[in-house]
C-alpha atoms as a PDB file:
ATOM      1  CA  MET A   1      97.632  48.469  -7.467  1.00  0.00           C
ATOM      2  CA  THR A   2      94.695  50.263  -5.820  1.00  0.00           C
ATOM      3  CA  PRO A   3      93.868  48.709  -2.426  1.00  0.00           C
ATOM      4  CA  LEU A   4      90.859  46.420  -2.579  1.00  0.00           C
ATOM      5  CA  ARG A   5      88.003  46.087  -0.152  1.00  0.00           C
ATOM      6  CA  GLN A   6      89.140  43.276   2.102  1.00  0.00           C
ATOM      7  CA  ILE A   7      87.667  40.539   4.282  1.00  0.00           C
ATOM      8  CA  VAL A   8      90.026  38.629   6.568  1.00  0.00           C
ATOM      9  CA  VAL A   9      89.239  35.056   7.663  1.00  0.00           C
ATOM     10  CA  GLU A  10      91.280  34.163  10.726  1.00  0.00           C
ATOM     11  CA  ARG A  11      90.425  30.479  11.262  1.00  0.00           C
ATOM     12  CA  PRO A  12      89.071  27.480   9.366  1.00  0.00           C
ATOM     13  CA  LEU A  13      85.633  25.961   9.686  1.00  0.00           C
ATOM     14  CA  LEU A  14      87.066  22.437   9.950  1.00  0.00           C
ATOM     15  CA  ALA A  15      90.603  21.135  10.372  1.00  0.00           C
ATOM     16  CA  VAL A  16      90.282  18.420   7.728  1.00  0.00           C
ATOM     17  CA  GLY A  17      93.994  18.282   6.883  1.00  0.00           C
ATOM     18  CA  CYS A  18      93.732  17.743   3.132  1.00  0.00           C
ATOM     19  CA  THR A  19      96.887  17.324   1.129  1.00  0.00           C
ATOM     20  CA  LEU A  20      95.209  18.720  -1.999  1.00  0.00           C
ATOM     21  CA  GLY A  21      91.674  19.871  -1.151  1.00  0.00           C
ATOM     22  CA  GLU A  22      89.655  20.888  -4.228  1.00  0.00           C
ATOM     23  CA  SER A  23      86.288  21.003  -6.008  1.00  0.00           C
ATOM     24  CA  PRO A  24      83.775  22.154  -3.356  1.00  0.00           C
ATOM     25  CA  LEU A  25      80.224  21.447  -4.533  1.00  0.00           C
ATOM     26  CA  TYR A  26      77.054  22.254  -2.588  1.00  0.00           C
ATOM     27  CA  ASP A  27      73.918  20.149  -2.978  1.00  0.00           C
ATOM     28  CA  PRO A  28      70.870  22.242  -1.995  1.00  0.00           C
ATOM     29  CA  ASP A  29      68.616  19.186  -1.926  1.00  0.00           C
ATOM     30  CA  SER A  30      70.509  17.496   0.902  1.00  0.00           C
ATOM     31  CA  GLY A  31      72.303  20.468   2.453  1.00  0.00           C
ATOM     32  CA  THR A  32      75.613  18.715   1.814  1.00  0.00           C
ATOM     33  CA  LEU A  33      78.925  20.212   0.814  1.00  0.00           C
ATOM     34  CA  HIS A  34      81.061  17.761  -1.154  1.00  0.00           C
ATOM     35  CA  PHE A  35      84.778  18.254  -1.821  1.00  0.00           C
ATOM     36  CA  VAL A  36      87.814  16.150  -2.683  1.00  0.00           C
ATOM     37  CA  ASP A  37      91.361  15.522  -1.580  1.00  0.00           C
ATOM     38  CA  ILE A  38      92.964  14.618  -4.887  1.00  0.00           C
ATOM     39  CA  ASP A  39      96.252  13.310  -3.513  1.00  0.00           C
ATOM     40  CA  GLU A  40      94.634  11.194  -0.783  1.00  0.00           C
ATOM     41  CA  LYS A  41      91.937   9.832  -3.165  1.00  0.00           C
ATOM     42  CA  LYS A  42      89.107  10.934  -0.886  1.00  0.00           C
ATOM     43  CA  VAL A  43      85.693  12.516  -1.378  1.00  0.00           C
ATOM     44  CA  TYR A  44      84.341  14.365   1.678  1.00  0.00           C
ATOM     45  CA  HIS A  45      80.705  15.028   2.539  1.00  0.00           C
ATOM     46  CA  LEU A  46      79.817  17.750   5.044  1.00  0.00           C
ATOM     47  CA  ASP A  47      76.308  18.235   6.467  1.00  0.00           C
ATOM     48  CA  VAL A  48      76.420  22.025   6.714  1.00  0.00           C
ATOM     49  CA  ALA A  49      73.656  22.162   9.338  1.00  0.00           C
ATOM     50  CA  SER A  50      75.306  19.776  11.803  1.00  0.00           C
ATOM     51  CA  ASN A  51      78.958  20.063  10.668  1.00  0.00           C
ATOM     52  CA  GLU A  52      79.038  16.268  10.524  1.00  0.00           C
ATOM     53  CA  LEU A  53      81.826  15.193   8.165  1.00  0.00           C
ATOM     54  CA  SER A  54      82.309  11.839   6.439  1.00  0.00           C
ATOM     55  CA  PHE A  55      84.474  10.662   3.557  1.00  0.00           C
ATOM     56  CA  GLU A  56      84.788   7.917   0.970  1.00  0.00           C
ATOM     57  CA  GLN A  57      88.102   6.346   0.023  1.00  0.00           C
ATOM     58  CA  PHE A  58      88.855   5.502  -3.621  1.00  0.00           C
ATOM     59  CA  LYS A  59      91.587   3.643  -5.469  1.00  0.00           C
ATOM     60  CA  GLU A  60      92.137   6.446  -7.980  1.00  0.00           C
ATOM     61  CA  PRO A  61      92.248  10.213  -7.441  1.00  0.00           C
ATOM     62  CA  ILE A  62      88.884  11.970  -7.832  1.00  0.00           C
ATOM     63  CA  THR A  63      89.700  15.395  -9.257  1.00  0.00           C
ATOM     64  CA  CYS A  64      86.349  17.193  -9.565  1.00  0.00           C
ATOM     65  CA  LEU A  65      82.665  16.593  -8.843  1.00  0.00           C
ATOM     66  CA  ALA A  66      79.294  17.267 -10.452  1.00  0.00           C
ATOM     67  CA  LEU A  67      75.798  16.778  -9.084  1.00  0.00           C
ATOM     68  CA  ARG A  68      73.448  14.330 -10.780  1.00  0.00           C
ATOM     69  CA  PRO A  69      69.637  14.498 -10.648  1.00  0.00           C
ATOM     70  CA  SER A  70      68.298  14.627  -7.110  1.00  0.00           C
ATOM     71  CA  GLY A  71      68.886  11.417  -5.206  1.00  0.00           C
ATOM     72  CA  LYS A  72      71.270   9.900  -7.758  1.00  0.00           C
ATOM     73  CA  GLY A  73      74.553  10.978  -6.216  1.00  0.00           C
ATOM     74  CA  LEU A  74      77.612  12.396  -7.936  1.00  0.00           C
ATOM     75  CA  ALA A  75      79.478  12.300 -11.214  1.00  0.00           C
ATOM     76  CA  CYS A  76      83.181  13.051 -11.331  1.00  0.00           C
ATOM     77  CA  THR A  77      86.391  13.144 -13.211  1.00  0.00           C
ATOM     78  CA  THR A  78      89.066  10.808 -11.975  1.00  0.00           C
ATOM     79  CA  ALA A  79      92.718  11.109 -12.898  1.00  0.00           C
ATOM     80  CA  SER A  80      91.990   9.001 -15.988  1.00  0.00           C
ATOM     81  CA  GLY A  81      88.486   9.891 -17.117  1.00  0.00           C
ATOM     82  CA  PHE A  82      84.789  10.550 -16.535  1.00  0.00           C
ATOM     83  CA  ALA A  83      82.829   8.412 -14.079  1.00  0.00           C
ATOM     84  CA  LEU A  84      79.798   8.033 -11.827  1.00  0.00           C
ATOM     85  CA  ILE A  85      80.247   7.491  -8.101  1.00  0.00           C
ATOM     86  CA  GLU A  86      78.216   4.444  -7.154  1.00  0.00           C
ATOM     87  CA  THR A  87      77.351   3.059  -3.730  1.00  0.00           C
ATOM     88  CA  ASN A  88      80.139   1.545  -1.602  1.00  0.00           C
ATOM     89  CA  SER A  89      82.655   3.986  -3.124  1.00  0.00           C
ATOM     90  CA  ASP A  90      82.624   2.199  -6.469  1.00  0.00           C
ATOM     91  CA  LEU A  91      83.165   3.995  -9.763  1.00  0.00           C
ATOM     92  CA  LYS A  92      81.308   3.397 -13.008  1.00  0.00           C
ATOM     93  CA  TYR A  93      83.631   4.657 -15.701  1.00  0.00           C
ATOM     94  CA  LEU A  94      81.982   6.347 -18.659  1.00  0.00           C
ATOM     95  CA  TYR A  95      85.060   7.236 -20.699  1.00  0.00           C
ATOM     96  CA  GLN A  96      88.819   7.023 -20.154  1.00  0.00           C
ATOM     97  CA  PRO A  97      90.373   8.812 -23.123  1.00  0.00           C
ATOM     98  CA  PHE A  98      94.073   8.714 -22.224  1.00  0.00           C
ATOM     99  CA  SER A  99      96.322   6.061 -23.663  1.00  0.00           C
ATOM    100  CA  GLU A 100      98.193   4.043 -21.049  1.00  0.00           C
ATOM    101  CA  GLU A 101     101.450   5.820 -21.828  1.00  0.00           C
ATOM    102  CA  TYR A 102      99.802   9.252 -21.703  1.00  0.00           C
ATOM    103  CA  ARG A 103      97.989   8.387 -18.453  1.00  0.00           C
ATOM    104  CA  GLU A 104     101.285   7.894 -16.636  1.00  0.00           C
ATOM    105  CA  HIS A 105     102.197  11.554 -17.035  1.00  0.00           C
ATOM    106  CA  VAL A 106      98.981  13.632 -17.074  1.00  0.00           C
ATOM    107  CA  ARG A 107      95.572  13.572 -15.425  1.00  0.00           C
ATOM    108  CA  PHE A 108      92.252  15.336 -15.451  1.00  0.00           C
ATOM    109  CA  ASN A 109      91.825  18.234 -13.049  1.00  0.00           C
ATOM    110  CA  ASP A 110      88.846  20.612 -12.733  1.00  0.00           C
ATOM    111  CA  GLY A 111      85.584  20.590 -14.670  1.00  0.00           C
ATOM    112  CA  ALA A 112      81.852  21.343 -14.741  1.00  0.00           C
ATOM    113  CA  CYS A 113      78.659  20.524 -16.647  1.00  0.00           C
ATOM    114  CA  ASP A 114      76.592  22.753 -18.917  1.00  0.00           C
ATOM    115  CA  SER A 115      72.786  22.934 -18.818  1.00  0.00           C
ATOM    116  CA  LYS A 116      72.447  19.893 -21.084  1.00  0.00           C
ATOM    117  CA  GLY A 117      74.636  17.765 -18.831  1.00  0.00           C
ATOM    118  CA  ARG A 118      77.774  17.813 -20.961  1.00  0.00           C
ATOM    119  CA  PHE A 119      80.868  17.467 -18.779  1.00  0.00           C
ATOM    120  CA  PHE A 120      83.763  19.790 -19.678  1.00  0.00           C
ATOM    121  CA  ALA A 121      87.086  19.137 -17.942  1.00  0.00           C
ATOM    122  CA  GLY A 122      90.691  20.125 -18.427  1.00  0.00           C
ATOM    123  CA  SER A 123      93.825  18.030 -18.119  1.00  0.00           C
ATOM    124  CA  VAL A 124      97.187  19.061 -16.680  1.00  0.00           C
ATOM    125  CA  TYR A 125     100.350  19.143 -18.733  1.00  0.00           C
ATOM    126  CA  SER A 126     103.612  17.253 -18.459  1.00  0.00           C
ATOM    127  CA  LYS A 127     106.503  19.625 -19.024  1.00  0.00           C
ATOM    128  CA  GLU A 128     109.013  16.782 -18.998  1.00  0.00           C
ATOM    129  CA  ARG A 129     107.164  14.849 -21.721  1.00  0.00           C
ATOM    130  CA  SER A 130     105.997  17.928 -23.676  1.00  0.00           C
ATOM    131  CA  LEU A 131     102.374  16.821 -23.265  1.00  0.00           C
ATOM    132  CA  PRO A 132     100.010  19.820 -23.229  1.00  0.00           C
ATOM    133  CA  GLY A 133      97.000  20.386 -21.023  1.00  0.00           C
ATOM    134  CA  LEU A 134      93.794  20.046 -23.053  1.00  0.00           C
ATOM    135  CA  LEU A 135      90.136  20.976 -22.643  1.00  0.00           C
ATOM    136  CA  TRP A 136      87.784  18.005 -23.088  1.00  0.00           C
ATOM    137  CA  ARG A 137      84.032  17.480 -23.449  1.00  0.00           C
ATOM    138  CA  TYR A 138      82.180  14.298 -22.536  1.00  0.00           C
ATOM    139  CA  ASP A 139      78.650  14.191 -23.970  1.00  0.00           C
ATOM    140  CA  PRO A 140      76.429  11.684 -22.138  1.00  0.00           C
ATOM    141  CA  GLU A 141      73.824  11.836 -24.904  1.00  0.00           C
ATOM    142  CA  ASP A 142      75.978   9.832 -27.320  1.00  0.00           C
ATOM    143  CA  GLY A 143      78.939   8.786 -25.138  1.00  0.00           C
ATOM    144  CA  THR A 144      81.491  10.785 -27.125  1.00  0.00           C
ATOM    145  CA  CYS A 145      84.572  12.364 -25.586  1.00  0.00           C
ATOM    146  CA  VAL A 146      86.515  14.911 -27.617  1.00  0.00           C
ATOM    147  CA  VAL A 147      89.140  17.605 -27.204  1.00  0.00           C
ATOM    148  CA  VAL A 148      87.453  20.976 -27.710  1.00  0.00           C
ATOM    149  CA  ASP A 149      90.601  23.072 -27.345  1.00  0.00           C
ATOM    150  CA  GLU A 150      94.124  21.720 -27.816  1.00  0.00           C
ATOM    151  CA  GLY A 151      95.627  24.743 -26.052  1.00  0.00           C
ATOM    152  CA  PRO A 152      98.404  24.060 -25.348  1.00  0.00           C
ATOM    153  CA  PHE A 153      97.527  24.683 -21.690  1.00  0.00           C
ATOM    154  CA  THR A 154      99.536  24.154 -18.501  1.00  0.00           C
ATOM    155  CA  ASP A 155      97.500  23.126 -15.445  1.00  0.00           C
ATOM    156  CA  SER A 156      93.881  23.396 -16.520  1.00  0.00           C
ATOM    157  CA  ASN A 157      91.601  24.632 -13.758  1.00  0.00           C
ATOM    158  CA  GLY A 158      88.245  26.373 -13.152  1.00  0.00           C
ATOM    159  CA  VAL A 159      85.510  25.799 -15.761  1.00  0.00           C
ATOM    160  CA  GLY A 160      82.126  27.557 -15.727  1.00  0.00           C
ATOM    161  CA  TRP A 161      79.535  29.562 -17.640  1.00  0.00           C
ATOM    162  CA  SER A 162      77.893  32.967 -17.554  1.00  0.00           C
ATOM    163  CA  SER A 163      74.283  32.909 -16.362  1.00  0.00           C
ATOM    164  CA  ASP A 164      72.979  33.130 -19.952  1.00  0.00           C
ATOM    165  CA  GLU A 165      75.375  30.326 -20.975  1.00  0.00           C
ATOM    166  CA  LYS A 166      76.688  32.399 -23.873  1.00  0.00           C
ATOM    167  CA  THR A 167      80.212  32.508 -22.416  1.00  0.00           C
ATOM    168  CA  LEU A 168      82.421  29.732 -21.037  1.00  0.00           C
ATOM    169  CA  PHE A 169      85.315  30.611 -18.736  1.00  0.00           C
ATOM    170  CA  PHE A 170      88.397  28.427 -18.340  1.00  0.00           C
ATOM    171  CA  THR A 171      91.562  28.806 -16.269  1.00  0.00           C
ATOM    172  CA  ASP A 172      95.125  28.079 -17.386  1.00  0.00           C
ATOM    173  CA  SER A 173      96.839  28.300 -14.023  1.00  0.00           C
ATOM    174  CA  LEU A 174     100.558  28.517 -14.704  1.00  0.00           C
ATOM    175  CA  THR A 175     100.141  31.221 -17.370  1.00  0.00           C
ATOM    176  CA  ASN A 176      98.070  33.226 -14.842  1.00  0.00           C
ATOM    177  CA  LEU A 177      95.215  33.576 -17.326  1.00  0.00           C
ATOM    178  CA  ILE A 178      91.472  33.016 -17.284  1.00  0.00           C
ATOM    179  CA  TYR A 179      90.036  32.714 -20.788  1.00  0.00           C
ATOM    180  CA  ALA A 180      86.555  33.412 -22.091  1.00  0.00           C
ATOM    181  CA  TYR A 181      84.966  31.675 -25.089  1.00  0.00           C
ATOM    182  CA  ASP A 182      81.783  32.266 -27.024  1.00  0.00           C
ATOM    183  CA  TYR A 183      79.596  29.289 -26.159  1.00  0.00           C
ATOM    184  CA  ASP A 184      76.856  27.860 -28.351  1.00  0.00           C
ATOM    185  CA  ASP A 185      75.215  24.568 -27.370  1.00  0.00           C
ATOM    186  CA  GLY A 186      78.455  22.722 -26.646  1.00  0.00           C
ATOM    187  CA  LYS A 187      80.607  24.529 -29.226  1.00  0.00           C
ATOM    188  CA  LEU A 188      83.439  26.909 -28.363  1.00  0.00           C
ATOM    189  CA  SER A 189      84.819  29.798 -30.405  1.00  0.00           C
ATOM    190  CA  ASN A 190      86.673  33.085 -30.056  1.00  0.00           C
ATOM    191  CA  ARG A 191      88.990  32.255 -27.171  1.00  0.00           C
ATOM    192  CA  ARG A 192      90.316  35.452 -25.587  1.00  0.00           C
ATOM    193  CA  VAL A 193      91.949  36.527 -22.329  1.00  0.00           C
ATOM    194  CA  PHE A 194      89.355  37.608 -19.763  1.00  0.00           C
ATOM    195  CA  ILE A 195      91.627  37.999 -16.721  1.00  0.00           C
ATOM    196  CA  ASP A 196      95.407  38.431 -16.670  1.00  0.00           C
ATOM    197  CA  GLY A 197      96.244  38.359 -12.980  1.00  0.00           C
ATOM    198  CA  LEU A 198      99.829  39.570 -13.279  1.00  0.00           C
ATOM    199  CA  ALA A 199      98.804  42.481 -15.506  1.00  0.00           C
ATOM    200  CA  GLN A 200      96.413  43.593 -12.755  1.00  0.00           C
ATOM    201  CA  GLY A 201      99.218  43.611 -10.186  1.00  0.00           C
ATOM    202  CA  LEU A 202      98.811  40.236  -8.504  1.00  0.00           C
ATOM    203  CA  PRO A 203     102.197  38.926  -7.336  1.00  0.00           C
ATOM    204  CA  GLU A 204     104.291  36.472  -9.295  1.00  0.00           C
ATOM    205  CA  GLY A 205     104.380  33.050  -7.727  1.00  0.00           C
ATOM    206  CA  THR A 206     100.615  33.114  -7.132  1.00  0.00           C
ATOM    207  CA  PHE A 207      98.226  31.477  -9.586  1.00  0.00           C
ATOM    208  CA  PRO A 208      94.513  31.281 -10.408  1.00  0.00           C
ATOM    209  CA  ASP A 209      92.954  28.009  -9.298  1.00  0.00           C
ATOM    210  CA  GLY A 210      89.266  27.099  -8.969  1.00  0.00           C
ATOM    211  CA  PHE A 211      86.488  29.680  -9.215  1.00  0.00           C
ATOM    212  CA  CYS A 212      82.780  30.269  -8.765  1.00  0.00           C
ATOM    213  CA  PHE A 213      80.269  32.982  -9.681  1.00  0.00           C
ATOM    214  CA  ASP A 214      77.832  35.043  -7.659  1.00  0.00           C
ATOM    215  CA  SER A 215      74.332  36.114  -8.692  1.00  0.00           C
ATOM    216  CA  GLU A 216      75.660  39.426 -10.034  1.00  0.00           C
ATOM    217  CA  GLY A 217      78.061  37.673 -12.417  1.00  0.00           C
ATOM    218  CA  GLY A 218      81.143  38.311 -10.273  1.00  0.00           C
ATOM    219  CA  LEU A 219      83.886  35.690 -10.585  1.00  0.00           C
ATOM    220  CA  TRP A 220      85.502  34.554  -7.314  1.00  0.00           C
ATOM    221  CA  CYS A 221      88.941  33.096  -8.034  1.00  0.00           C
ATOM    222  CA  ALA A 222      91.098  31.209  -5.530  1.00  0.00           C
ATOM    223  CA  ARG A 223      94.778  32.150  -5.698  1.00  0.00           C
ATOM    224  CA  TRP A 224      97.178  29.252  -5.184  1.00  0.00           C
ATOM    225  CA  GLY A 225     100.173  30.517  -3.204  1.00  0.00           C
ATOM    226  CA  GLY A 226      98.387  33.805  -2.529  1.00  0.00           C
ATOM    227  CA  SER A 227      96.397  33.147   0.672  1.00  0.00           C
ATOM    228  CA  ARG A 228      93.323  34.729  -0.866  1.00  0.00           C
ATOM    229  CA  ILE A 229      90.300  34.770  -3.122  1.00  0.00           C
ATOM    230  CA  ILE A 230      89.825  37.662  -5.532  1.00  0.00           C
ATOM    231  CA  ARG A 231      86.408  38.754  -6.775  1.00  0.00           C
ATOM    232  CA  PHE A 232      86.401  40.062 -10.356  1.00  0.00           C
ATOM    233  CA  THR A 233      83.568  42.106 -11.799  1.00  0.00           C
ATOM    234  CA  THR A 234      81.822  41.233 -15.074  1.00  0.00           C
ATOM    235  CA  ASP A 235      84.407  43.297 -16.948  1.00  0.00           C
ATOM    236  CA  GLY A 236      87.268  41.339 -15.385  1.00  0.00           C
ATOM    237  CA  LYS A 237      88.432  43.932 -12.840  1.00  0.00           C
ATOM    238  CA  MET A 238      89.297  43.201  -9.206  1.00  0.00           C
ATOM    239  CA  ASP A 239      87.015  44.695  -6.564  1.00  0.00           C
ATOM    240  CA  LEU A 240      87.291  42.533  -3.416  1.00  0.00           C
ATOM    241  CA  GLU A 241      89.756  40.173  -1.764  1.00  0.00           C
ATOM    242  CA  ILE A 242      89.236  37.611   0.971  1.00  0.00           C
ATOM    243  CA  VAL A 243      92.467  36.949   2.825  1.00  0.00           C
ATOM    244  CA  PHE A 244      93.305  33.736   4.705  1.00  0.00           C
ATOM    245  CA  PRO A 245      96.468  34.603   6.685  1.00  0.00           C
ATOM    246  CA  THR A 246      97.001  31.046   7.963  1.00  0.00           C
ATOM    247  CA  ALA A 247      96.522  29.211   4.636  1.00  0.00           C
ATOM    248  CA  LEU A 248      98.932  29.595   1.719  1.00  0.00           C
ATOM    249  CA  ASN A 249      97.373  27.506  -1.055  1.00  0.00           C
ATOM    250  CA  VAL A 250      93.732  28.496  -1.476  1.00  0.00           C
ATOM    251  CA  THR A 251      92.389  26.165  -4.150  1.00  0.00           C
ATOM    252  CA  ALA A 252      88.659  26.567  -4.899  1.00  0.00           C
ATOM    253  CA  CYS A 253      85.376  27.993  -3.630  1.00  0.00           C
ATOM    254  CA  CYS A 254      81.621  27.689  -3.996  1.00  0.00           C
ATOM    255  CA  PHE A 255      78.528  29.297  -2.547  1.00  0.00           C
ATOM    256  CA  GLY A 256      76.254  27.166  -0.408  1.00  0.00           C
ATOM    257  CA  GLY A 257      74.071  27.019   2.647  1.00  0.00           C
ATOM    258  CA  PRO A 258      70.265  27.409   2.802  1.00  0.00           C
ATOM    259  CA  ASN A 259      70.443  30.948   1.400  1.00  0.00           C
ATOM    260  CA  GLU A 260      73.419  30.371  -0.938  1.00  0.00           C
ATOM    261  CA  ASP A 261      75.316  33.137   0.868  1.00  0.00           C
ATOM    262  CA  GLN A 262      78.067  31.126   2.551  1.00  0.00           C
ATOM    263  CA  LEU A 263      81.312  30.834   0.588  1.00  0.00           C
ATOM    264  CA  TYR A 264      83.017  27.480   1.206  1.00  0.00           C
ATOM    265  CA  VAL A 265      86.733  27.402   0.493  1.00  0.00           C
ATOM    266  CA  THR A 266      89.153  24.492   0.105  1.00  0.00           C
ATOM    267  CA  SER A 267      92.914  24.637   0.489  1.00  0.00           C
ATOM    268  CA  ALA A 268      96.041  22.501   0.127  1.00  0.00           C
ATOM    269  CA  HIS A 269      99.066  21.663   2.247  1.00  0.00           C
ATOM    270  CA  CYS A 270     102.143  23.792   1.588  1.00  0.00           C
ATOM    271  CA  GLY A 271     104.006  20.698   0.421  1.00  0.00           C
ATOM    272  CA  ALA A 272     101.394  19.718  -2.181  1.00  0.00           C
ATOM    273  CA  VAL A 273     102.290  19.595  -5.897  1.00  0.00           C
ATOM    274  CA  GLY A 274     105.997  19.851  -5.242  1.00  0.00           C
ATOM    275  CA  GLY A 275     105.665  22.762  -2.830  1.00  0.00           C
ATOM    276  CA  ASP A 276     107.763  23.621   0.208  1.00  0.00           C
ATOM    277  CA  ALA A 277     106.421  21.676   3.184  1.00  0.00           C
ATOM    278  CA  SER A 278     108.570  23.738   5.568  1.00  0.00           C
ATOM    279  CA  ARG A 279     106.198  26.687   4.994  1.00  0.00           C
ATOM    280  CA  GLN A 280     103.417  24.778   6.748  1.00  0.00           C
ATOM    281  CA  ALA A 281     104.643  26.105  10.103  1.00  0.00           C
ATOM    282  CA  ARG A 282     103.926  29.647   8.926  1.00  0.00           C
ATOM    283  CA  TYR A 283     100.609  28.670   7.277  1.00  0.00           C
ATOM    284  CA  PRO A 284      99.318  25.931   9.599  1.00  0.00           C
ATOM    285  CA  ASP A 285      95.755  25.899   8.250  1.00  0.00           C
ATOM    286  CA  SER A 286      96.793  25.057   4.696  1.00  0.00           C
ATOM    287  CA  GLY A 287      94.715  21.997   3.802  1.00  0.00           C
ATOM    288  CA  HIS A 288      91.721  22.905   5.981  1.00  0.00           C
ATOM    289  CA  LEU A 289      88.177  23.922   5.006  1.00  0.00           C
ATOM    290  CA  PHE A 290      87.006  27.517   5.439  1.00  0.00           C
ATOM    291  CA  VAL A 291      83.672  29.312   5.230  1.00  0.00           C
ATOM    292  CA  VAL A 292      83.015  33.030   4.685  1.00  0.00           C
ATOM    293  CA  ASP A 293      79.677  34.451   5.807  1.00  0.00           C
ATOM    294  CA  LEU A 294      78.532  36.772   3.012  1.00  0.00           C
ATOM    295  CA  ALA A 295      74.903  37.133   4.144  1.00  0.00           C
ATOM    296  CA  GLY A 296      73.479  40.450   2.998  1.00  0.00           C
ATOM    297  CA  GLN A 297      76.334  40.940   0.541  1.00  0.00           C
ATOM    298  CA  TYR A 298      76.455  38.183  -2.103  1.00  0.00           C
ATOM    299  CA  LYS A 299      74.654  35.024  -3.151  1.00  0.00           C
ATOM    300  CA  GLY A 300      75.714  32.234  -5.454  1.00  0.00           C
ATOM    301  CA  GLY A 301      74.957  32.354  -9.167  1.00  0.00           C
ATOM    302  CA  LYS A 302      73.984  29.663 -11.670  1.00  0.00           C
ATOM    303  CA  TRP A 303      77.277  28.875 -13.383  1.00  0.00           C
ATOM    304  CA  ARG A 304      77.392  25.066 -13.532  1.00  0.00           C
ATOM    305  CA  HIS A 305      74.728  22.392 -13.824  1.00  0.00           C
ATOM    306  CA  ARG A 306      73.935  18.736 -13.178  1.00  0.00           C
ATOM    307  CA  PHE A 307      75.259  15.776 -15.087  1.00  0.00           C
ATOM    308  CA  LEU A 308      71.965  14.589 -16.504  1.00  0.00           C
ATOM    309  CA  SER A 309      72.506  11.091 -17.877  1.00  0.00           C
ATOM    310  CA  GLU A 310      73.571   7.639 -16.768  1.00  0.00           C
ATOM    311  CA  GLY A 311      75.617   7.227 -19.951  1.00  0.00           C
ATOM    312  CA  PRO A 312      75.066   6.874 -23.687  1.00  0.00           C
ATOM    313  CA  ARG A 313      71.629   5.771 -24.747  1.00  0.00           C
END
């Protein structure tokens, strides 16, 4: 593998100590970075100007976040479905599609909204129960929730669109693949492999997790177990890596800050998701929040949108 241009990040921005930090989401209206700790059922809120951090505690895991119209807070997926986050850390469920039996063994994971406010999210699989990961779509216009691709997938992860919204990208983590689909107003077709990490020389035992896009269309993919983020060009080739020597499980990233040129990065404890907690001594910042200053190099792109409705009308 040809050596990549490399940026090394030696220390975290904040020692938040997440078990399973995920889903960073920057709100330009308030200057707030939101992110979750799935295992601890927390949603964090960071004022990026002051570095003041707060969190909300929930009764069910919150697995990914979406902005709503300015001033209306956040939408989310929980382990069991799609919801709005209300005041006082309450949830207003919009749709919970899993049967009770199914819900015991799988959950929702990552997701994002298209420009019409439709919420796409993937579920994780249960190997023991032979239950596949699926890609779902919740449409707030009519309150419907359907499976748009039956896969079968493993641990569904990053979801997002090209800037022209003609292509949807979707990660199947344990197969080490990022797919691309033709996208037409909520409809998917022509699934194909966009990135095969192992075929490009990335090491076995590392996996694609969450991603984001820059203004040039580059895809920035966190590598679980790989201590890094890889930037892929619009043709799916690697051209840059950001290395986090003290964090093993890098989980997701997003651009933020006043100029959209700061890359915020979440991570997870080495013992998360059945991992080896003894490795935490070697990677002591696993679970903390990082930031990478990319001023003058890259800015964030428009690859996900706001959840636009309160629910079916």
